[in-house]
Amino acid sequence: DGKQVAKPYSKYGRMMTKGKQIVRYFFVSSKRFKDDTDGLLNAGRIELPQDVSENFRNHIKAEIRAETTDAKGNVTQFWKTLNRNNHLWDCLYYNVAVAYVKGAFKGES
């Protein structure tokens, strides 16, 4: 109906791989989905098995939510990297992003 809609992800794009296959891709708001994933973990909506490796736990704890205040008193929240080995954290929040795009969270705010 002509109204603008803001979404935390882009429209699908298409590109060709070196192997001449067409793949679809999209971009997501990392901050938004890191925040969502952190909230789901803290609320117990995503449960990690008790027997995950220490390496896995280190990856999941590789970034923390932090904030900074500028000279005018404006507060900005961001994700601070504590450890560059955050790849499994990235995988987890990208999975939450894909679940969101595919409609797994419809009807939730």
C-alpha atoms as a PDB file:
ATOM      1  CA  ASP A   1       0.000   0.000   0.000  1.00  0.00           C
ATOM      2  CA  GLY A   2       3.008   2.308  -0.417  1.00  0.00           C
ATOM      3  CA  LYS A   3       3.973   2.451   3.263  1.00  0.00           C
ATOM      4  CA  GLN A   4       7.651   2.165   4.088  1.00  0.00           C
ATOM      5  CA  VAL A   5       8.634  -0.929   6.072  1.00  0.00           C
ATOM      6  CA  ALA A   6      11.878  -1.204   8.037  1.00  0.00           C
ATOM      7  CA  LYS A   7      13.221  -4.725   8.433  1.00  0.00           C
ATOM      8  CA  PRO A   8      16.398  -5.970  10.129  1.00  0.00           C
ATOM      9  CA  TYR A   9      17.404  -7.768   6.923  1.00  0.00           C
ATOM     10  CA  SER A  10      17.752  -6.953   3.236  1.00  0.00           C
ATOM     11  CA  LYS A  11      15.937  -8.344   0.218  1.00  0.00           C
ATOM     12  CA  TYR A  12      17.465 -11.443  -1.278  1.00  0.00           C
ATOM     13  CA  GLY A  13      20.258 -10.896  -3.769  1.00  0.00           C
ATOM     14  CA  ARG A  14      21.598 -13.375  -6.286  1.00  0.00           C
ATOM     15  CA  MET A  15      25.127 -14.027  -7.438  1.00  0.00           C
ATOM     16  CA  MET A  16      27.073 -16.616  -9.378  1.00  0.00           C
ATOM     17  CA  THR A  17      29.764 -18.693  -7.701  1.00  0.00           C
ATOM     18  CA  LYS A  18      33.094 -19.570  -9.313  1.00  0.00           C
ATOM     19  CA  GLY A  19      31.479 -22.939 -10.051  1.00  0.00           C
ATOM     20  CA  LYS A  20      28.768 -21.151 -12.102  1.00  0.00           C
ATOM     21  CA  GLN A  21      25.986 -21.863  -9.597  1.00  0.00           C
ATOM     22  CA  ILE A  22      23.454 -19.182  -8.672  1.00  0.00           C
ATOM     23  CA  VAL A  23      23.116 -18.615  -4.920  1.00  0.00           C
ATOM     24  CA  ARG A  24      20.840 -16.325  -2.941  1.00  0.00           C
ATOM     25  CA  TYR A  25      22.081 -14.134  -0.094  1.00  0.00           C
ATOM     26  CA  PHE A  26      20.848 -11.384   2.189  1.00  0.00           C
ATOM     27  CA  PHE A  27      22.330  -8.987   4.718  1.00  0.00           C
ATOM     28  CA  VAL A  28      21.213  -8.774   8.347  1.00  0.00           C
ATOM     29  CA  SER A  29      21.558  -6.270  11.165  1.00  0.00           C
ATOM     30  CA  SER A  30      24.281  -7.885  13.273  1.00  0.00           C
ATOM     31  CA  LYS A  31      23.527  -5.730  16.314  1.00  0.00           C
ATOM     32  CA  ARG A  32      19.806  -6.512  16.178  1.00  0.00           C
ATOM     33  CA  PHE A  33      20.299 -10.269  15.910  1.00  0.00           C
ATOM     34  CA  LYS A  34      23.088 -10.367  18.501  1.00  0.00           C
ATOM     35  CA  ASP A  35      20.690  -8.558  20.863  1.00  0.00           C
ATOM     36  CA  ASP A  36      17.884 -10.993  19.999  1.00  0.00           C
ATOM     37  CA  THR A  37      20.109 -14.056  20.433  1.00  0.00           C
ATOM     38  CA  ASP A  38      21.417 -12.781  23.764  1.00  0.00           C
ATOM     39  CA  GLY A  39      17.834 -12.226  24.919  1.00  0.00           C
ATOM     40  CA  LEU A  40      16.760 -15.703  23.808  1.00  0.00           C
ATOM     41  CA  LEU A  41      19.707 -17.269  25.649  1.00  0.00           C
ATOM     42  CA  ASN A  42      19.053 -15.279  28.826  1.00  0.00           C
ATOM     43  CA  ALA A  43      15.340 -16.125  28.754  1.00  0.00           C
ATOM     44  CA  GLY A  44      16.078 -19.838  28.323  1.00  0.00           C
ATOM     45  CA  ARG A  45      14.420 -19.925  24.900  1.00  0.00           C
ATOM     46  CA  ILE A  46      17.685 -21.188  23.414  1.00  0.00           C
ATOM     47  CA  GLU A  47      19.252 -23.835  25.596  1.00  0.00           C
ATOM     48  CA  LEU A  48      22.819 -24.966  25.121  1.00  0.00           C
ATOM     49  CA  PRO A  49      23.602 -28.565  26.061  1.00  0.00           C
ATOM     50  CA  GLN A  50      25.459 -28.999  29.346  1.00  0.00           C
ATOM     51  CA  ASP A  51      28.241 -30.977  27.669  1.00  0.00           C
ATOM     52  CA  VAL A  52      29.380 -28.399  25.087  1.00  0.00           C
ATOM     53  CA  SER A  53      33.124 -27.944  24.955  1.00  0.00           C
ATOM     54  CA  GLU A  54      34.994 -25.170  26.748  1.00  0.00           C
ATOM     55  CA  ASN A  55      36.016 -23.928  23.296  1.00  0.00           C
ATOM     56  CA  PHE A  56      32.339 -23.572  22.329  1.00  0.00           C
ATOM     57  CA  ARG A  57      31.579 -21.667  25.542  1.00  0.00           C
ATOM     58  CA  ASN A  58      34.525 -19.346  24.868  1.00  0.00           C
ATOM     59  CA  HIS A  59      33.204 -18.578  21.388  1.00  0.00           C
ATOM     60  CA  ILE A  60      29.716 -17.815  22.749  1.00  0.00           C
ATOM     61  CA  LYS A  61      31.219 -15.466  25.372  1.00  0.00           C
ATOM     62  CA  ALA A  62      33.634 -13.786  22.918  1.00  0.00           C
ATOM     63  CA  GLU A  63      31.514 -10.624  22.696  1.00  0.00           C
ATOM     64  CA  ILE A  64      29.615  -8.630  25.313  1.00  0.00           C
ATOM     65  CA  ARG A  65      27.060  -5.869  25.114  1.00  0.00           C
ATOM     66  CA  ALA A  66      28.657  -2.568  26.133  1.00  0.00           C
ATOM     67  CA  GLU A  67      27.773   1.101  26.013  1.00  0.00           C
ATOM     68  CA  THR A  68      29.498   4.404  25.618  1.00  0.00           C
ATOM     69  CA  THR A  69      28.380   7.934  26.435  1.00  0.00           C
ATOM     70  CA  ASP A  70      29.420  10.904  24.310  1.00  0.00           C
ATOM     71  CA  ALA A  71      30.099  14.463  25.518  1.00  0.00           C
ATOM     72  CA  LYS A  72      26.399  15.371  25.118  1.00  0.00           C
ATOM     73  CA  GLY A  73      25.309  12.467  27.317  1.00  0.00           C
ATOM     74  CA  ASN A  74      23.979  10.313  24.460  1.00  0.00           C
ATOM     75  CA  VAL A  75      24.337   6.612  25.227  1.00  0.00           C
ATOM     76  CA  THR A  76      25.192   4.180  22.439  1.00  0.00           C
ATOM     77  CA  GLN A  77      25.076   0.419  22.915  1.00  0.00           C
ATOM     78  CA  PHE A  78      27.380  -1.844  20.928  1.00  0.00           C
ATOM     79  CA  TRP A  79      28.885  -5.327  20.965  1.00  0.00           C
ATOM     80  CA  LYS A  80      32.478  -5.367  22.196  1.00  0.00           C
ATOM     81  CA  THR A  81      34.770  -8.151  21.010  1.00  0.00           C
ATOM     82  CA  LEU A  82      36.724  -9.735  23.858  1.00  0.00           C
ATOM     83  CA  ASN A  83      38.153 -12.593  21.820  1.00  0.00           C
ATOM     84  CA  ARG A  84      38.543 -12.867  18.033  1.00  0.00           C
ATOM     85  CA  ASN A  85      37.488 -16.529  18.218  1.00  0.00           C
ATOM     86  CA  ASN A  86      33.803 -15.683  18.004  1.00  0.00           C
ATOM     87  CA  HIS A  87      32.874 -17.802  14.979  1.00  0.00           C
ATOM     88  CA  LEU A  88      30.405 -20.047  16.801  1.00  0.00           C
ATOM     89  CA  TRP A  89      28.696 -16.962  18.282  1.00  0.00           C
ATOM     90  CA  ASP A  90      28.382 -15.640  14.715  1.00  0.00           C
ATOM     91  CA  CYS A  91      26.854 -18.960  13.599  1.00  0.00           C
ATOM     92  CA  LEU A  92      24.352 -18.865  16.457  1.00  0.00           C
ATOM     93  CA  TYR A  93      23.072 -15.348  15.821  1.00  0.00           C
ATOM     94  CA  TYR A  94      22.973 -15.893  12.042  1.00  0.00           C
ATOM     95  CA  ASN A  95      20.785 -18.944  12.709  1.00  0.00           C
ATOM     96  CA  VAL A  96      18.450 -16.748  14.751  1.00  0.00           C
ATOM     97  CA  ALA A  97      18.415 -14.265  11.836  1.00  0.00           C
ATOM     98  CA  VAL A  98      17.474 -16.992   9.336  1.00  0.00           C
ATOM     99  CA  ALA A  99      14.734 -18.265  11.676  1.00  0.00           C
ATOM    100  CA  TYR A 100      13.382 -14.691  11.855  1.00  0.00           C
ATOM    101  CA  VAL A 101      13.464 -14.245   8.071  1.00  0.00           C
ATOM    102  CA  LYS A 102      11.723 -17.604   7.598  1.00  0.00           C
ATOM    103  CA  GLY A 103       8.902 -16.601   9.976  1.00  0.00           C
ATOM    104  CA  ALA A 104       9.734 -18.600  13.107  1.00  0.00           C
ATOM    105  CA  PHE A 105       9.017 -15.549  15.290  1.00  0.00           C
ATOM    106  CA  LYS A 106       5.759 -14.394  13.686  1.00  0.00           C
ATOM    107  CA  GLY A 107       3.344 -12.982  16.227  1.00  0.00           C
ATOM    108  CA  GLU A 108       6.109 -12.091  18.686  1.00  0.00           C
ATOM    109  CA  SER A 109       7.471  -8.647  19.403  1.00  0.00           C
END
